[in-house]
Full PDB file with SEQRES, HELIX, SHEET, SSBOND, CRYST1, ORIGX, SCALE, CONECT and MASTER records, all heavy atoms in Angstrom:
SEQRES   1 A   35  GLY ILE GLY ILE ILE ASN VAL ALA SER MET PHE GLY ILE          
SEQRES   2 A   35  ARG SER VAL ARG ARG GLU LYS THR ILE ASP LEU ILE ILE          
SEQRES   3 A   35  SER PHE VAL PRO TRP ARG GLU GLY ILE                          
HELIX    1 AA1 VAL A    7  PHE A   11  1                                   5    
HELIX    2 AA2 ILE A   13  SER A   15  5                                   3    
CRYST1    1.000    1.000    1.000  90.00  90.00  90.00 P 1           1          
ORIGX1      1.000000  0.000000  0.000000        0.00000                         
ORIGX2      0.000000  1.000000  0.000000        0.00000                         
ORIGX3      0.000000  0.000000  1.000000        0.00000                         
SCALE1      1.000000  0.000000  0.000000        0.00000                         
SCALE2      0.000000  1.000000  0.000000        0.00000                         
SCALE3      0.000000  0.000000  1.000000        0.00000                         
ATOM      1  N   GLY A   1      69.972 -44.644 -31.613  1.00  0.00           N  
ATOM      2  CA  GLY A   1      70.127 -43.442 -31.014  1.00  0.00           C  
ATOM      3  C   GLY A   1      70.117 -42.219 -31.786  1.00  0.00           C  
ATOM      4  O   GLY A   1      69.900 -41.114 -31.476  1.00  0.00           O  
ATOM      5  N   ILE A   2      70.427 -42.484 -33.132  1.00  0.00           N  
ATOM      6  CA  ILE A   2      70.405 -41.276 -34.082  1.00  0.00           C  
ATOM      7  C   ILE A   2      69.249 -41.525 -35.031  1.00  0.00           C  
ATOM      8  O   ILE A   2      68.541 -40.608 -35.432  1.00  0.00           O  
ATOM      9  CB  ILE A   2      71.804 -41.331 -34.814  1.00  0.00           C  
ATOM     10  CG1 ILE A   2      72.817 -41.033 -33.838  1.00  0.00           C  
ATOM     11  CG2 ILE A   2      71.717 -40.261 -35.963  1.00  0.00           C  
ATOM     12  CD1 ILE A   2      74.236 -40.993 -34.434  1.00  0.00           C  
ATOM     13  N   GLY A   3      69.020 -42.690 -35.524  1.00  0.00           N  
ATOM     14  CA  GLY A   3      68.003 -43.079 -36.577  1.00  0.00           C  
ATOM     15  C   GLY A   3      68.616 -43.418 -37.921  1.00  0.00           C  
ATOM     16  O   GLY A   3      69.666 -44.025 -37.951  1.00  0.00           O  
ATOM     17  N   ILE A   4      67.824 -43.187 -38.908  1.00  0.00           N  
ATOM     18  CA  ILE A   4      68.218 -43.543 -40.201  1.00  0.00           C  
ATOM     19  C   ILE A   4      69.172 -42.522 -40.821  1.00  0.00           C  
ATOM     20  O   ILE A   4      68.890 -41.268 -40.841  1.00  0.00           O  
ATOM     21  CB  ILE A   4      67.062 -43.717 -41.222  1.00  0.00           C  
ATOM     22  CG1 ILE A   4      66.062 -44.795 -40.642  1.00  0.00           C  
ATOM     23  CG2 ILE A   4      67.446 -44.258 -42.611  1.00  0.00           C  
ATOM     24  CD1 ILE A   4      66.522 -46.047 -40.428  1.00  0.00           C  
ATOM     25  N   ILE A   5      70.252 -42.974 -41.406  1.00  0.00           N  
ATOM     26  CA  ILE A   5      71.255 -42.018 -42.063  1.00  0.00           C  
ATOM     27  C   ILE A   5      71.464 -42.431 -43.569  1.00  0.00           C  
ATOM     28  O   ILE A   5      71.340 -43.627 -43.883  1.00  0.00           O  
ATOM     29  CB  ILE A   5      72.611 -42.041 -41.282  1.00  0.00           C  
ATOM     30  CG1 ILE A   5      73.340 -43.437 -41.290  1.00  0.00           C  
ATOM     31  CG2 ILE A   5      72.402 -41.596 -39.860  1.00  0.00           C  
ATOM     32  CD1 ILE A   5      74.732 -43.350 -40.816  1.00  0.00           C  
ATOM     33  N   ASN A   6      71.776 -41.522 -44.363  1.00  0.00           N  
ATOM     34  CA  ASN A   6      71.997 -41.651 -45.716  1.00  0.00           C  
ATOM     35  C   ASN A   6      73.486 -41.738 -45.947  1.00  0.00           C  
ATOM     36  O   ASN A   6      74.280 -40.728 -45.899  1.00  0.00           O  
ATOM     37  CB  ASN A   6      71.498 -40.618 -46.608  1.00  0.00           C  
ATOM     38  CG  ASN A   6      71.472 -40.800 -48.028  1.00  0.00           C  
ATOM     39  OD1 ASN A   6      72.437 -41.426 -48.526  1.00  0.00           O  
ATOM     40  ND2 ASN A   6      70.471 -40.442 -48.871  1.00  0.00           N  
ATOM     41  N   VAL A   7      74.120 -42.838 -46.098  1.00  0.00           N  
ATOM     42  CA  VAL A   7      75.520 -43.076 -46.207  1.00  0.00           C  
ATOM     43  C   VAL A   7      76.088 -42.341 -47.355  1.00  0.00           C  
ATOM     44  O   VAL A   7      77.191 -41.788 -47.332  1.00  0.00           O  
ATOM     45  CB  VAL A   7      75.879 -44.548 -46.240  1.00  0.00           C  
ATOM     46  CG1 VAL A   7      77.283 -44.827 -46.605  1.00  0.00           C  
ATOM     47  CG2 VAL A   7      75.399 -45.270 -44.953  1.00  0.00           C  
ATOM     48  N   ALA A   8      75.507 -42.462 -48.551  1.00  0.00           N  
ATOM     49  CA  ALA A   8      76.005 -41.889 -49.804  1.00  0.00           C  
ATOM     50  C   ALA A   8      76.076 -40.356 -49.708  1.00  0.00           C  
ATOM     51  O   ALA A   8      76.939 -39.667 -50.130  1.00  0.00           O  
ATOM     52  CB  ALA A   8      75.121 -42.252 -51.005  1.00  0.00           C  
ATOM     53  N   SER A   9      75.043 -39.694 -49.022  1.00  0.00           N  
ATOM     54  CA  SER A   9      75.013 -38.232 -48.814  1.00  0.00           C  
ATOM     55  C   SER A   9      76.131 -37.831 -47.934  1.00  0.00           C  
ATOM     56  O   SER A   9      76.715 -36.762 -48.018  1.00  0.00           O  
ATOM     57  CB  SER A   9      73.659 -37.874 -48.319  1.00  0.00           C  
ATOM     58  OG  SER A   9      72.699 -38.065 -49.322  1.00  0.00           O  
ATOM     59  N   MET A  10      76.366 -38.710 -46.903  1.00  0.00           N  
ATOM     60  CA  MET A  10      77.410 -38.307 -45.802  1.00  0.00           C  
ATOM     61  C   MET A  10      78.797 -38.531 -46.200  1.00  0.00           C  
ATOM     62  O   MET A  10      79.733 -37.708 -46.020  1.00  0.00           O  
ATOM     63  CB  MET A  10      77.100 -38.987 -44.588  1.00  0.00           C  
ATOM     64  CG  MET A  10      75.718 -38.607 -43.969  1.00  0.00           C  
ATOM     65  SD  MET A  10      75.358 -39.456 -42.404  1.00  0.00           S  
ATOM     66  CE  MET A  10      76.843 -39.028 -41.297  1.00  0.00           C  
ATOM     67  N   PHE A  11      79.115 -39.631 -46.940  1.00  0.00           N  
ATOM     68  CA  PHE A  11      80.430 -40.033 -47.216  1.00  0.00           C  
ATOM     69  C   PHE A  11      80.734 -40.183 -48.774  1.00  0.00           C  
ATOM     70  O   PHE A  11      81.903 -40.553 -49.020  1.00  0.00           O  
ATOM     71  CB  PHE A  11      80.653 -41.583 -46.645  1.00  0.00           C  
ATOM     72  CG  PHE A  11      80.465 -41.476 -45.125  1.00  0.00           C  
ATOM     73  CD1 PHE A  11      79.283 -42.009 -44.580  1.00  0.00           C  
ATOM     74  CD2 PHE A  11      81.418 -40.991 -44.201  1.00  0.00           C  
ATOM     75  CE1 PHE A  11      79.053 -42.041 -43.207  1.00  0.00           C  
ATOM     76  CE2 PHE A  11      81.106 -41.019 -42.953  1.00  0.00           C  
ATOM     77  CZ  PHE A  11      79.981 -41.517 -42.340  1.00  0.00           C  
ATOM     78  N   GLY A  12      79.808 -39.859 -49.559  1.00  0.00           N  
ATOM     79  CA  GLY A  12      80.081 -39.918 -51.029  1.00  0.00           C  
ATOM     80  C   GLY A  12      79.595 -41.158 -51.716  1.00  0.00           C  
ATOM     81  O   GLY A  12      79.366 -42.232 -50.939  1.00  0.00           O  
ATOM     82  N   ILE A  13      79.412 -41.074 -52.961  1.00  0.00           N  
ATOM     83  CA  ILE A  13      78.826 -42.267 -53.683  1.00  0.00           C  
ATOM     84  C   ILE A  13      79.566 -43.505 -53.621  1.00  0.00           C  
ATOM     85  O   ILE A  13      79.159 -44.595 -53.831  1.00  0.00           O  
ATOM     86  CB  ILE A  13      78.446 -41.787 -55.239  1.00  0.00           C  
ATOM     87  CG1 ILE A  13      77.578 -42.830 -55.847  1.00  0.00           C  
ATOM     88  CG2 ILE A  13      79.736 -41.536 -55.927  1.00  0.00           C  
ATOM     89  CD1 ILE A  13      76.208 -43.014 -55.248  1.00  0.00           C  
ATOM     90  N   ARG A  14      80.968 -43.259 -53.455  1.00  0.00           N  
ATOM     91  CA  ARG A  14      81.894 -44.447 -53.536  1.00  0.00           C  
ATOM     92  C   ARG A  14      81.771 -45.279 -52.219  1.00  0.00           C  
ATOM     93  O   ARG A  14      82.270 -46.397 -52.117  1.00  0.00           O  
ATOM     94  CB  ARG A  14      83.367 -44.034 -53.581  1.00  0.00           C  
ATOM     95  CG  ARG A  14      83.634 -43.440 -54.949  1.00  0.00           C  
ATOM     96  CD  ARG A  14      85.047 -42.872 -54.969  1.00  0.00           C  
ATOM     97  NE  ARG A  14      86.042 -44.082 -54.973  1.00  0.00           N  
ATOM     98  CZ  ARG A  14      87.251 -43.840 -54.993  1.00  0.00           C  
ATOM     99  NH1 ARG A  14      87.804 -42.599 -55.053  1.00  0.00           N  
ATOM    100  NH2 ARG A  14      88.075 -44.921 -54.795  1.00  0.00           N  
ATOM    101  N   SER A  15      80.996 -44.776 -51.270  1.00  0.00           N  
ATOM    102  CA  SER A  15      80.743 -45.514 -49.974  1.00  0.00           C  
ATOM    103  C   SER A  15      79.707 -46.569 -50.096  1.00  0.00           C  
ATOM    104  O   SER A  15      79.328 -47.307 -49.025  1.00  0.00           O  
ATOM    105  CB  SER A  15      80.565 -44.517 -48.821  1.00  0.00           C  
ATOM    106  OG  SER A  15      79.285 -43.795 -49.134  1.00  0.00           O  
ATOM    107  N   VAL A  16      78.974 -46.680 -51.262  1.00  0.00           N  
ATOM    108  CA  VAL A  16      77.879 -47.526 -51.365  1.00  0.00           C  
ATOM    109  C   VAL A  16      78.173 -48.514 -52.596  1.00  0.00           C  
ATOM    110  O   VAL A  16      78.609 -47.986 -53.654  1.00  0.00           O  
ATOM    111  CB  VAL A  16      76.627 -46.811 -51.515  1.00  0.00           C  
ATOM    112  CG1 VAL A  16      75.393 -47.801 -51.906  1.00  0.00           C  
ATOM    113  CG2 VAL A  16      76.268 -45.935 -50.329  1.00  0.00           C  
ATOM    114  N   ARG A  17      77.901 -49.774 -52.444  1.00  0.00           N  
ATOM    115  CA  ARG A  17      77.976 -50.659 -53.500  1.00  0.00           C  
ATOM    116  C   ARG A  17      76.767 -51.403 -53.823  1.00  0.00           C  
ATOM    117  O   ARG A  17      75.870 -51.655 -52.718  1.00  0.00           O  
ATOM    118  CB  ARG A  17      79.101 -51.773 -53.343  1.00  0.00           C  
ATOM    119  CG  ARG A  17      80.415 -51.298 -53.472  1.00  0.00           C  
ATOM    120  CD  ARG A  17      81.464 -52.423 -53.687  1.00  0.00           C  
ATOM    121  NE  ARG A  17      81.052 -53.268 -54.822  1.00  0.00           N  
ATOM    122  CZ  ARG A  17      81.967 -54.057 -55.349  1.00  0.00           C  
ATOM    123  NH1 ARG A  17      83.120 -54.252 -54.914  1.00  0.00           N  
ATOM    124  NH2 ARG A  17      81.518 -54.781 -56.389  1.00  0.00           N  
ATOM    125  N   ARG A  18      76.230 -51.779 -55.034  1.00  0.00           N  
ATOM    126  CA  ARG A  18      75.040 -52.418 -55.211  1.00  0.00           C  
ATOM    127  C   ARG A  18      75.132 -53.934 -54.794  1.00  0.00           C  
ATOM    128  O   ARG A  18      74.029 -54.414 -54.232  1.00  0.00           O  
ATOM    129  CB  ARG A  18      74.690 -52.424 -56.710  1.00  0.00           C  
ATOM    130  CG  ARG A  18      74.250 -51.021 -57.266  1.00  0.00           C  
ATOM    131  CD  ARG A  18      73.841 -51.100 -58.694  1.00  0.00           C  
ATOM    132  NE  ARG A  18      72.713 -51.811 -58.835  1.00  0.00           N  
ATOM    133  CZ  ARG A  18      71.418 -51.402 -58.739  1.00  0.00           C  
ATOM    134  NH1 ARG A  18      71.124 -50.217 -58.507  1.00  0.00           N  
ATOM    135  NH2 ARG A  18      70.379 -52.302 -58.996  1.00  0.00           N  
ATOM    136  N   GLU A  19      76.185 -54.624 -55.107  1.00  0.00           N  
ATOM    137  CA  GLU A  19      76.263 -56.012 -54.637  1.00  0.00           C  
ATOM    138  C   GLU A  19      77.731 -56.360 -54.471  1.00  0.00           C  
ATOM    139  O   GLU A  19      78.610 -55.652 -54.909  1.00  0.00           O  
ATOM    140  CB  GLU A  19      75.720 -56.781 -55.678  1.00  0.00           C  
ATOM    141  CG  GLU A  19      76.255 -56.710 -57.091  1.00  0.00           C  
ATOM    142  CD  GLU A  19      75.434 -57.448 -58.213  1.00  0.00           C  
ATOM    143  OE1 GLU A  19      74.292 -58.015 -57.826  1.00  0.00           O  
ATOM    144  OE2 GLU A  19      75.843 -57.638 -59.344  1.00  0.00           O  
ATOM    145  N   LYS A  20      77.932 -57.498 -53.744  1.00  0.00           N  
ATOM    146  CA  LYS A  20      79.301 -57.950 -53.560  1.00  0.00           C  
ATOM    147  C   LYS A  20      79.331 -59.355 -53.235  1.00  0.00           C  
ATOM    148  O   LYS A  20      78.372 -59.851 -52.533  1.00  0.00           O  
ATOM    149  CB  LYS A  20      79.974 -57.122 -52.381  1.00  0.00           C  
ATOM    150  CG  LYS A  20      81.531 -57.543 -52.087  1.00  0.00           C  
ATOM    151  CD  LYS A  20      82.335 -56.931 -53.130  1.00  0.00           C  
ATOM    152  CE  LYS A  20      83.875 -57.212 -52.944  1.00  0.00           C  
ATOM    153  NZ  LYS A  20      84.111 -58.622 -53.413  1.00  0.00           N  
ATOM    154  N   THR A  21      80.260 -60.074 -53.536  1.00  0.00           N  
ATOM    155  CA  THR A  21      80.396 -61.664 -53.134  1.00  0.00           C  
ATOM    156  C   THR A  21      80.630 -61.651 -51.742  1.00  0.00           C  
ATOM    157  O   THR A  21      81.218 -60.829 -51.035  1.00  0.00           O  
ATOM    158  CB  THR A  21      81.609 -62.267 -53.881  1.00  0.00           C  
ATOM    159  OG1 THR A  21      82.841 -61.537 -53.614  1.00  0.00           O  
ATOM    160  CG2 THR A  21      81.352 -62.426 -55.315  1.00  0.00           C  
ATOM    161  N   ILE A  22      80.151 -62.642 -51.010  1.00  0.00           N  
ATOM    162  CA  ILE A  22      80.291 -62.900 -49.646  1.00  0.00           C  
ATOM    163  C   ILE A  22      81.516 -63.902 -49.546  1.00  0.00           C  
ATOM    164  O   ILE A  22      81.357 -65.075 -49.707  1.00  0.00           O  
ATOM    165  CB  ILE A  22      78.946 -63.524 -48.982  1.00  0.00           C  
ATOM    166  CG1 ILE A  22      77.844 -62.593 -49.185  1.00  0.00           C  
ATOM    167  CG2 ILE A  22      79.241 -63.794 -47.528  1.00  0.00           C  
ATOM    168  CD1 ILE A  22      76.426 -63.110 -48.572  1.00  0.00           C  
ATOM    169  N   ASP A  23      82.635 -63.331 -48.985  1.00  0.00           N  
ATOM    170  CA  ASP A  23      83.794 -64.007 -48.929  1.00  0.00           C  
ATOM    171  C   ASP A  23      84.233 -64.508 -47.525  1.00  0.00           C  
ATOM    172  O   ASP A  23      84.926 -65.377 -47.302  1.00  0.00           O  
ATOM    173  CB  ASP A  23      84.993 -63.180 -49.535  1.00  0.00           C  
ATOM    174  CG  ASP A  23      84.680 -62.723 -50.996  1.00  0.00           C  
ATOM    175  OD1 ASP A  23      84.467 -63.508 -51.748  1.00  0.00           O  
ATOM    176  OD2 ASP A  23      84.732 -61.481 -51.119  1.00  0.00           O  
ATOM    177  N   LEU A  24      83.727 -63.704 -46.534  1.00  0.00           N  
ATOM    178  CA  LEU A  24      84.004 -63.965 -45.038  1.00  0.00           C  
ATOM    179  C   LEU A  24      82.842 -63.602 -44.206  1.00  0.00           C  
ATOM    180  O   LEU A  24      82.251 -62.545 -44.450  1.00  0.00           O  
ATOM    181  CB  LEU A  24      85.258 -63.112 -44.708  1.00  0.00           C  
ATOM    182  CG  LEU A  24      85.774 -63.104 -43.320  1.00  0.00           C  
ATOM    183  CD1 LEU A  24      86.299 -64.531 -42.954  1.00  0.00           C  
ATOM    184  CD2 LEU A  24      86.877 -62.051 -43.140  1.00  0.00           C  
ATOM    185  N   ILE A  25      82.612 -64.393 -43.268  1.00  0.00           N  
ATOM    186  CA  ILE A  25      81.554 -64.146 -42.273  1.00  0.00           C  
ATOM    187  C   ILE A  25      82.299 -63.803 -40.865  1.00  0.00           C  
ATOM    188  O   ILE A  25      83.150 -64.666 -40.462  1.00  0.00           O  
ATOM    189  CB  ILE A  25      80.641 -65.277 -42.016  1.00  0.00           C  
ATOM    190  CG1 ILE A  25      79.993 -65.715 -43.341  1.00  0.00           C  
ATOM    191  CG2 ILE A  25      79.551 -64.997 -41.027  1.00  0.00           C  
ATOM    192  CD1 ILE A  25      79.143 -66.920 -43.405  1.00  0.00           C  
ATOM    193  N   ILE A  26      81.902 -62.746 -40.272  1.00  0.00           N  
ATOM    194  CA  ILE A  26      82.364 -62.428 -38.947  1.00  0.00           C  
ATOM    195  C   ILE A  26      81.193 -62.196 -38.046  1.00  0.00           C  
ATOM    196  O   ILE A  26      80.332 -61.431 -38.266  1.00  0.00           O  
ATOM    197  CB  ILE A  26      83.269 -61.134 -38.980  1.00  0.00           C  
ATOM    198  CG1 ILE A  26      84.475 -61.346 -39.898  1.00  0.00           C  
ATOM    199  CG2 ILE A  26      83.638 -60.665 -37.537  1.00  0.00           C  
ATOM    200  CD1 ILE A  26      85.349 -60.076 -39.936  1.00  0.00           C  
ATOM    201  N   SER A  27      81.265 -63.099 -37.043  1.00  0.00           N  
ATOM    202  CA  SER A  27      80.059 -63.130 -36.058  1.00  0.00           C  
ATOM    203  C   SER A  27      80.464 -62.327 -34.794  1.00  0.00           C  
ATOM    204  O   SER A  27      81.480 -62.641 -34.205  1.00  0.00           O  
ATOM    205  CB  SER A  27      79.701 -64.533 -35.662  1.00  0.00           C  
ATOM    206  OG  SER A  27      79.140 -65.172 -36.830  1.00  0.00           O  
ATOM    207  N   PHE A  28      79.664 -61.355 -34.337  1.00  0.00           N  
ATOM    208  CA  PHE A  28      79.844 -60.628 -33.135  1.00  0.00           C  
ATOM    209  C   PHE A  28      78.917 -61.238 -32.056  1.00  0.00           C  
ATOM    210  O   PHE A  28      77.845 -61.548 -32.248  1.00  0.00           O  
ATOM    211  CB  PHE A  28      79.392 -59.105 -33.312  1.00  0.00           C  
ATOM    212  CG  PHE A  28      80.280 -58.294 -34.266  1.00  0.00           C  
ATOM    213  CD1 PHE A  28      79.862 -56.931 -34.521  1.00  0.00           C  
ATOM    214  CD2 PHE A  28      81.453 -58.795 -34.696  1.00  0.00           C  
ATOM    215  CE1 PHE A  28      80.686 -56.173 -35.259  1.00  0.00           C  
ATOM    216  CE2 PHE A  28      82.248 -57.985 -35.517  1.00  0.00           C  
ATOM    217  CZ  PHE A  28      81.890 -56.692 -35.788  1.00  0.00           C  
ATOM    218  N   VAL A  29      79.643 -61.628 -30.951  1.00  0.00           N  
ATOM    219  CA  VAL A  29      78.973 -62.177 -29.757  1.00  0.00           C  
ATOM    220  C   VAL A  29      79.291 -61.280 -28.533  1.00  0.00           C  
ATOM    221  O   VAL A  29      80.445 -60.827 -28.443  1.00  0.00           O  
ATOM    222  CB  VAL A  29      79.312 -63.672 -29.657  1.00  0.00           C  
ATOM    223  CG1 VAL A  29      78.853 -64.453 -30.688  1.00  0.00           C  
ATOM    224  CG2 VAL A  29      80.770 -63.842 -29.354  1.00  0.00           C  
ATOM    225  N   PRO A  30      78.312 -61.113 -27.692  1.00  0.00           N  
ATOM    226  CA  PRO A  30      78.680 -60.273 -26.516  1.00  0.00           C  
ATOM    227  C   PRO A  30      79.602 -61.042 -25.543  1.00  0.00           C  
ATOM    228  O   PRO A  30      79.571 -62.218 -25.464  1.00  0.00           O  
ATOM    229  CB  PRO A  30      77.213 -60.159 -25.851  1.00  0.00           C  
ATOM    230  CG  PRO A  30      76.320 -60.360 -26.913  1.00  0.00           C  
ATOM    231  CD  PRO A  30      76.904 -61.396 -27.769  1.00  0.00           C  
ATOM    232  N   TRP A  31      80.696 -60.332 -25.116  1.00  0.00           N  
ATOM    233  CA  TRP A  31      81.606 -60.981 -24.179  1.00  0.00           C  
ATOM    234  C   TRP A  31      80.908 -61.266 -22.936  1.00  0.00           C  
ATOM    235  O   TRP A  31      80.179 -60.547 -22.376  1.00  0.00           O  
ATOM    236  CB  TRP A  31      82.732 -60.066 -24.018  1.00  0.00           C  
ATOM    237  CG  TRP A  31      83.835 -60.676 -23.267  1.00  0.00           C  
ATOM    238  CD1 TRP A  31      84.906 -61.380 -23.699  1.00  0.00           C  
ATOM    239  CD2 TRP A  31      84.087 -60.649 -21.798  1.00  0.00           C  
ATOM    240  NE1 TRP A  31      85.670 -61.903 -22.640  1.00  0.00           N  
ATOM    241  CE2 TRP A  31      85.125 -61.369 -21.435  1.00  0.00           C  
ATOM    242  CE3 TRP A  31      83.239 -59.955 -20.833  1.00  0.00           C  
ATOM    243  CZ2 TRP A  31      85.638 -61.541 -20.162  1.00  0.00           C  
ATOM    244  CZ3 TRP A  31      83.697 -60.138 -19.441  1.00  0.00           C  
ATOM    245  CH2 TRP A  31      84.890 -60.895 -19.187  1.00  0.00           C  
ATOM    246  N   ARG A  32      81.323 -62.391 -22.368  1.00  0.00           N  
ATOM    247  CA  ARG A  32      80.966 -62.828 -21.028  1.00  0.00           C  
ATOM    248  C   ARG A  32      82.046 -63.636 -20.441  1.00  0.00           C  
ATOM    249  O   ARG A  32      82.962 -64.157 -21.025  1.00  0.00           O  
ATOM    250  CB  ARG A  32      79.668 -63.631 -21.093  1.00  0.00           C  
ATOM    251  CG  ARG A  32      79.819 -64.982 -21.800  1.00  0.00           C  
ATOM    252  CD  ARG A  32      78.467 -65.786 -21.868  1.00  0.00           C  
ATOM    253  NE  ARG A  32      78.672 -67.141 -22.438  1.00  0.00           N  
ATOM    254  CZ  ARG A  32      78.794 -67.322 -23.725  1.00  0.00           C  
ATOM    255  NH1 ARG A  32      78.622 -66.405 -24.585  1.00  0.00           N  
ATOM    256  NH2 ARG A  32      78.980 -68.567 -24.109  1.00  0.00           N  
ATOM    257  N   GLU A  33      82.075 -63.704 -19.013  1.00  0.00           N  
ATOM    258  CA  GLU A  33      83.029 -64.425 -18.356  1.00  0.00           C  
ATOM    259  C   GLU A  33      83.116 -65.973 -18.808  1.00  0.00           C  
ATOM    260  O   GLU A  33      82.081 -66.551 -18.861  1.00  0.00           O  
ATOM    261  CB  GLU A  33      82.743 -64.362 -16.940  1.00  0.00           C  
ATOM    262  CG  GLU A  33      83.933 -64.865 -16.014  1.00  0.00           C  
ATOM    263  CD  GLU A  33      85.140 -63.903 -16.054  1.00  0.00           C  
ATOM    264  OE1 GLU A  33      84.921 -62.659 -16.008  1.00  0.00           O  
ATOM    265  OE2 GLU A  33      86.240 -64.412 -16.026  1.00  0.00           O  
ATOM    266  N   GLY A  34      84.252 -66.417 -19.159  1.00  0.00           N  
ATOM    267  CA  GLY A  34      84.360 -67.699 -19.540  1.00  0.00           C  
ATOM    268  C   GLY A  34      84.203 -68.117 -21.049  1.00  0.00           C  
ATOM    269  O   GLY A  34      84.125 -69.171 -21.453  1.00  0.00           O  
ATOM    270  N   ILE A  35      83.901 -67.002 -21.839  1.00  0.00           N  
ATOM    271  CA  ILE A  35      83.585 -67.199 -23.282  1.00  0.00           C  
ATOM    272  C   ILE A  35      84.884 -67.827 -24.031  1.00  0.00           C  
ATOM    273  O   ILE A  35      85.996 -67.427 -23.671  1.00  0.00           O  
ATOM    274  CB  ILE A  35      83.238 -65.981 -23.978  1.00  0.00           C  
ATOM    275  CG1 ILE A  35      82.564 -66.200 -25.427  1.00  0.00           C  
ATOM    276  CG2 ILE A  35      84.330 -65.010 -24.069  1.00  0.00           C  
ATOM    277  CD1 ILE A  35      82.025 -64.921 -26.018  1.00  0.00           C  
TER     278      ILE A  35                                                      
MASTER        0    0    0    2    0    0    0    6  277    1    0    3          
END                                                                             
């Protein structure tokens, strides 16, 4: 709805990291009746 945004320009250079270990996976699923 907005498009591409530059995170570092908007929130500062500390808002971006080059790499990070993957320690936790969180899956988003659309809610439905009986889920």
